[in-house]
Amino acid sequence: MTHCEVPNSRTECWIPSKPKEHAALIETASTKCGANFRRIIKMAKEWNRVHSEYLTGYHIEVLALKTFDSDLDDLPWHLHMFFDKARDLVRQRLWHQVSYVDDYLSATGRAEAVKRLETAYSRSLSAWYATHGSNNDHATAIGLWRQIFGDRYPAHG
């Protein structure tokens, strides 16, 4: 068997996938990149939930796999880099393993996802910069992260 098909509850169709191989890729990337790899995926899924859920969780996992391949030692910077790379990857069709992971996206859905990724990219850069180096504006950074991730993001430093 070359692959199996898993249900997509959003589109009510089947997605060709290799779940065991995909899980192994996630595990390998997590080992190589560190604990922040899984944190970034979790946070990106929360961003997606807060901003209309245009992307599937599987799609977000693949975006992370395509974006990172080394130590993610600076979580705010690498969150920004996720949004930077994801906005470009979502603009075009994205192949992973046995199929395009974004076949479910309509042209409008793709455009809306890119628009939201652009906003997250801009806000995450400002949030990162607010506390980068000698900058110490935690209130601004937290406010921006809350705009990106919603009310579940802590309101305190």
C-alpha atoms as a PDB file:
ATOM      1  CA  MET A   1       0.000   0.000   0.000  1.00  0.00           C
ATOM      2  CA  THR A   2       1.486   3.377  -1.014  1.00  0.00           C
ATOM      3  CA  HIS A   3      -0.726   5.539   1.198  1.00  0.00           C
ATOM      4  CA  CYS A   4      -4.046   5.686   2.986  1.00  0.00           C
ATOM      5  CA  GLU A   5      -6.808   8.254   2.902  1.00  0.00           C
ATOM      6  CA  VAL A   6      -7.852  10.208   5.958  1.00  0.00           C
ATOM      7  CA  PRO A   7     -11.106  12.148   6.211  1.00  0.00           C
ATOM      8  CA  ASN A   8     -11.178  15.922   5.920  1.00  0.00           C
ATOM      9  CA  SER A   9     -14.178  17.035   7.953  1.00  0.00           C
ATOM     10  CA  ARG A  10     -14.044  20.524   6.447  1.00  0.00           C
ATOM     11  CA  THR A  11     -14.490  19.438   2.829  1.00  0.00           C
ATOM     12  CA  GLU A  12     -16.067  16.046   3.556  1.00  0.00           C
ATOM     13  CA  CYS A  13     -13.597  14.356   1.241  1.00  0.00           C
ATOM     14  CA  TRP A  14     -10.576  12.122   1.672  1.00  0.00           C
ATOM     15  CA  ILE A  15      -6.952  13.277   1.823  1.00  0.00           C
ATOM     16  CA  PRO A  16      -4.255  10.926   0.523  1.00  0.00           C
ATOM     17  CA  SER A  17      -1.707  10.673   3.317  1.00  0.00           C
ATOM     18  CA  LYS A  18       1.004   8.611   4.931  1.00  0.00           C
ATOM     19  CA  PRO A  19       0.183   9.297   8.598  1.00  0.00           C
ATOM     20  CA  LYS A  20       2.946   7.150  10.095  1.00  0.00           C
ATOM     21  CA  GLU A  21       5.577   8.711   7.848  1.00  0.00           C
ATOM     22  CA  HIS A  22       4.165  12.192   8.515  1.00  0.00           C
ATOM     23  CA  ALA A  23       4.315  11.571  12.284  1.00  0.00           C
ATOM     24  CA  ALA A  24       7.915  10.392  11.885  1.00  0.00           C
ATOM     25  CA  LEU A  25       8.782  13.565   9.957  1.00  0.00           C
ATOM     26  CA  ILE A  26       7.251  15.681  12.729  1.00  0.00           C
ATOM     27  CA  GLU A  27       9.206  13.729  15.352  1.00  0.00           C
ATOM     28  CA  THR A  28      12.465  14.060  13.403  1.00  0.00           C
ATOM     29  CA  ALA A  29      11.962  17.803  12.940  1.00  0.00           C
ATOM     30  CA  SER A  30      11.091  18.202  16.608  1.00  0.00           C
ATOM     31  CA  THR A  31      14.270  16.393  17.612  1.00  0.00           C
ATOM     32  CA  LYS A  32      16.400  18.429  15.192  1.00  0.00           C
ATOM     33  CA  CYS A  33      14.769  21.823  15.852  1.00  0.00           C
ATOM     34  CA  GLY A  34      13.998  21.465  19.552  1.00  0.00           C
ATOM     35  CA  ALA A  35      10.851  21.869  21.637  1.00  0.00           C
ATOM     36  CA  ASN A  36       9.933  25.153  19.938  1.00  0.00           C
ATOM     37  CA  PHE A  37       9.086  23.252  16.737  1.00  0.00           C
ATOM     38  CA  ARG A  38       5.972  21.746  18.316  1.00  0.00           C
ATOM     39  CA  ARG A  39       5.233  24.999  20.159  1.00  0.00           C
ATOM     40  CA  ILE A  40       5.239  26.916  16.885  1.00  0.00           C
ATOM     41  CA  ILE A  41       2.856  24.400  15.308  1.00  0.00           C
ATOM     42  CA  LYS A  42       0.531  24.655  18.297  1.00  0.00           C
ATOM     43  CA  MET A  43       0.649  28.453  18.251  1.00  0.00           C
ATOM     44  CA  ALA A  44       0.129  28.579  14.469  1.00  0.00           C
ATOM     45  CA  LYS A  45      -2.949  26.369  14.845  1.00  0.00           C
ATOM     46  CA  GLU A  46      -4.237  28.753  17.526  1.00  0.00           C
ATOM     47  CA  TRP A  47      -3.586  31.726  15.223  1.00  0.00           C
ATOM     48  CA  ASN A  48      -5.541  29.903  12.525  1.00  0.00           C
ATOM     49  CA  ARG A  49      -8.427  29.198  14.915  1.00  0.00           C
ATOM     50  CA  VAL A  50      -8.584  32.847  15.945  1.00  0.00           C
ATOM     51  CA  HIS A  51      -8.428  34.129  12.361  1.00  0.00           C
ATOM     52  CA  SER A  52     -11.163  32.142  10.596  1.00  0.00           C
ATOM     53  CA  GLU A  53      -9.550  28.706  10.202  1.00  0.00           C
ATOM     54  CA  TYR A  54      -8.731  28.940   6.515  1.00  0.00           C
ATOM     55  CA  LEU A  55      -5.960  26.338   6.874  1.00  0.00           C
ATOM     56  CA  THR A  56      -6.201  22.769   8.103  1.00  0.00           C
ATOM     57  CA  GLY A  57      -4.045  21.552  10.980  1.00  0.00           C
ATOM     58  CA  TYR A  58      -2.298  19.134   8.620  1.00  0.00           C
ATOM     59  CA  HIS A  59      -1.491  22.021   6.254  1.00  0.00           C
ATOM     60  CA  ILE A  60       0.020  24.009   9.159  1.00  0.00           C
ATOM     61  CA  GLU A  61       2.157  21.010  10.151  1.00  0.00           C
ATOM     62  CA  VAL A  62       3.447  20.718   6.582  1.00  0.00           C
ATOM     63  CA  LEU A  63       4.171  24.455   6.479  1.00  0.00           C
ATOM     64  CA  ALA A  64       6.306  24.018   9.609  1.00  0.00           C
ATOM     65  CA  LEU A  65       8.099  21.037   8.082  1.00  0.00           C
ATOM     66  CA  LYS A  66       8.868  23.073   4.949  1.00  0.00           C
ATOM     67  CA  THR A  67       9.989  26.111   6.980  1.00  0.00           C
ATOM     68  CA  PHE A  68      12.301  24.778   9.693  1.00  0.00           C
ATOM     69  CA  ASP A  69      15.333  22.516   9.657  1.00  0.00           C
ATOM     70  CA  SER A  70      17.575  23.797  12.452  1.00  0.00           C
ATOM     71  CA  ASP A  71      17.529  24.814  16.114  1.00  0.00           C
ATOM     72  CA  LEU A  72      14.648  27.149  16.968  1.00  0.00           C
ATOM     73  CA  ASP A  73      16.268  28.860  19.927  1.00  0.00           C
ATOM     74  CA  ASP A  74      14.424  32.207  19.701  1.00  0.00           C
ATOM     75  CA  LEU A  75      10.680  31.508  19.830  1.00  0.00           C
ATOM     76  CA  PRO A  76       9.464  35.055  18.986  1.00  0.00           C
ATOM     77  CA  TRP A  77      11.830  35.311  16.004  1.00  0.00           C
ATOM     78  CA  HIS A  78      10.969  31.864  14.697  1.00  0.00           C
ATOM     79  CA  LEU A  79       7.235  32.517  15.047  1.00  0.00           C
ATOM     80  CA  HIS A  80       7.820  35.550  12.848  1.00  0.00           C
ATOM     81  CA  MET A  81       9.807  33.389  10.408  1.00  0.00           C
ATOM     82  CA  PHE A  82       6.957  30.872  10.304  1.00  0.00           C
ATOM     83  CA  PHE A  83       4.527  33.591   9.172  1.00  0.00           C
ATOM     84  CA  ASP A  84       7.118  34.931   6.721  1.00  0.00           C
ATOM     85  CA  LYS A  85       7.656  31.566   5.012  1.00  0.00           C
ATOM     86  CA  ALA A  86       4.037  30.414   5.316  1.00  0.00           C
ATOM     87  CA  ARG A  87       2.665  33.436   3.441  1.00  0.00           C
ATOM     88  CA  ASP A  88       4.859  32.505   0.463  1.00  0.00           C
ATOM     89  CA  LEU A  89       4.131  28.773   0.686  1.00  0.00           C
ATOM     90  CA  VAL A  90       0.360  29.353   0.850  1.00  0.00           C
ATOM     91  CA  ARG A  91       0.430  31.501  -2.292  1.00  0.00           C
ATOM     92  CA  GLN A  92       1.227  28.411  -4.368  1.00  0.00           C
ATOM     93  CA  ARG A  93       0.225  24.771  -4.356  1.00  0.00           C
ATOM     94  CA  LEU A  94       2.111  22.708  -1.801  1.00  0.00           C
ATOM     95  CA  TRP A  95       3.045  19.066  -2.406  1.00  0.00           C
ATOM     96  CA  HIS A  96       3.767  16.775   0.534  1.00  0.00           C
ATOM     97  CA  GLN A  97       4.312  13.022   0.346  1.00  0.00           C
ATOM     98  CA  VAL A  98       1.517  11.855  -1.970  1.00  0.00           C
ATOM     99  CA  SER A  99      -0.715  14.853  -2.647  1.00  0.00           C
ATOM    100  CA  TYR A 100      -1.206  18.589  -2.535  1.00  0.00           C
ATOM    101  CA  VAL A 101      -1.996  19.510   1.059  1.00  0.00           C
ATOM    102  CA  ASP A 102      -3.932  22.597  -0.014  1.00  0.00           C
ATOM    103  CA  ASP A 103      -6.374  21.092  -2.516  1.00  0.00           C
ATOM    104  CA  TYR A 104      -9.204  22.133  -0.207  1.00  0.00           C
ATOM    105  CA  LEU A 105      -8.420  25.862  -0.615  1.00  0.00           C
ATOM    106  CA  SER A 106     -10.521  27.841  -3.054  1.00  0.00           C
ATOM    107  CA  ALA A 107      -8.922  30.863  -4.742  1.00  0.00           C
ATOM    108  CA  THR A 108     -10.792  33.099  -2.292  1.00  0.00           C
ATOM    109  CA  GLY A 109      -9.775  30.968   0.702  1.00  0.00           C
ATOM    110  CA  ARG A 110      -6.139  31.033  -0.414  1.00  0.00           C
ATOM    111  CA  ALA A 111      -6.223  34.830  -0.848  1.00  0.00           C
ATOM    112  CA  GLU A 112      -7.830  35.289   2.585  1.00  0.00           C
ATOM    113  CA  ALA A 113      -5.298  32.979   4.241  1.00  0.00           C
ATOM    114  CA  VAL A 114      -2.413  34.900   2.632  1.00  0.00           C
ATOM    115  CA  LYS A 115      -3.942  38.210   3.747  1.00  0.00           C
ATOM    116  CA  ARG A 116      -4.141  36.962   7.343  1.00  0.00           C
ATOM    117  CA  LEU A 117      -0.607  35.577   7.161  1.00  0.00           C
ATOM    118  CA  GLU A 118       0.626  38.972   5.905  1.00  0.00           C
ATOM    119  CA  THR A 119      -0.977  40.658   8.925  1.00  0.00           C
ATOM    120  CA  ALA A 120       0.517  38.080  11.307  1.00  0.00           C
ATOM    121  CA  TYR A 121       3.907  38.535   9.612  1.00  0.00           C
ATOM    122  CA  SER A 122       3.825  42.289  10.150  1.00  0.00           C
ATOM    123  CA  ARG A 123       2.566  42.132  13.734  1.00  0.00           C
ATOM    124  CA  SER A 124       4.996  39.365  14.701  1.00  0.00           C
ATOM    125  CA  LEU A 125       7.939  41.406  13.419  1.00  0.00           C
ATOM    126  CA  SER A 126       6.821  44.386  15.503  1.00  0.00           C
ATOM    127  CA  ALA A 127       6.232  42.165  18.556  1.00  0.00           C
ATOM    128  CA  TRP A 128       9.655  40.563  18.212  1.00  0.00           C
ATOM    129  CA  TYR A 129      11.367  43.934  17.761  1.00  0.00           C
ATOM    130  CA  ALA A 130       9.643  45.406  20.837  1.00  0.00           C
ATOM    131  CA  THR A 131      11.726  43.134  23.078  1.00  0.00           C
ATOM    132  CA  HIS A 132      14.751  42.431  20.868  1.00  0.00           C
ATOM    133  CA  GLY A 133      18.206  43.357  22.129  1.00  0.00           C
ATOM    134  CA  SER A 134      18.024  46.377  24.419  1.00  0.00           C
ATOM    135  CA  ASN A 135      14.348  47.009  23.616  1.00  0.00           C
ATOM    136  CA  ASN A 136      12.203  46.393  26.663  1.00  0.00           C
ATOM    137  CA  ASP A 137       8.636  47.206  25.561  1.00  0.00           C
ATOM    138  CA  HIS A 138       6.921  44.077  26.846  1.00  0.00           C
ATOM    139  CA  ALA A 139       3.484  45.727  26.976  1.00  0.00           C
ATOM    140  CA  THR A 140       3.575  46.450  23.241  1.00  0.00           C
ATOM    141  CA  ALA A 141       4.912  42.974  22.445  1.00  0.00           C
ATOM    142  CA  ILE A 142       2.229  41.263  24.525  1.00  0.00           C
ATOM    143  CA  GLY A 143      -0.487  43.410  22.928  1.00  0.00           C
ATOM    144  CA  LEU A 144       0.699  42.455  19.456  1.00  0.00           C
ATOM    145  CA  TRP A 145       1.022  38.749  20.301  1.00  0.00           C
ATOM    146  CA  ARG A 146      -2.544  38.871  21.671  1.00  0.00           C
ATOM    147  CA  GLN A 147      -3.717  40.373  18.364  1.00  0.00           C
ATOM    148  CA  ILE A 148      -2.088  37.433  16.600  1.00  0.00           C
ATOM    149  CA  PHE A 149      -3.037  34.627  18.998  1.00  0.00           C
ATOM    150  CA  GLY A 150      -6.159  35.969  20.681  1.00  0.00           C
ATOM    151  CA  ASP A 151      -7.223  36.072  24.298  1.00  0.00           C
ATOM    152  CA  ARG A 152      -5.586  32.739  25.153  1.00  0.00           C
ATOM    153  CA  TYR A 153      -2.215  34.491  24.930  1.00  0.00           C
ATOM    154  CA  PRO A 154      -1.235  35.719  28.426  1.00  0.00           C
ATOM    155  CA  ALA A 155      -1.963  39.378  29.114  1.00  0.00           C
ATOM    156  CA  HIS A 156       1.087  39.681  31.375  1.00  0.00           C
ATOM    157  CA  GLY A 157       4.842  39.212  31.009  1.00  0.00           C
END
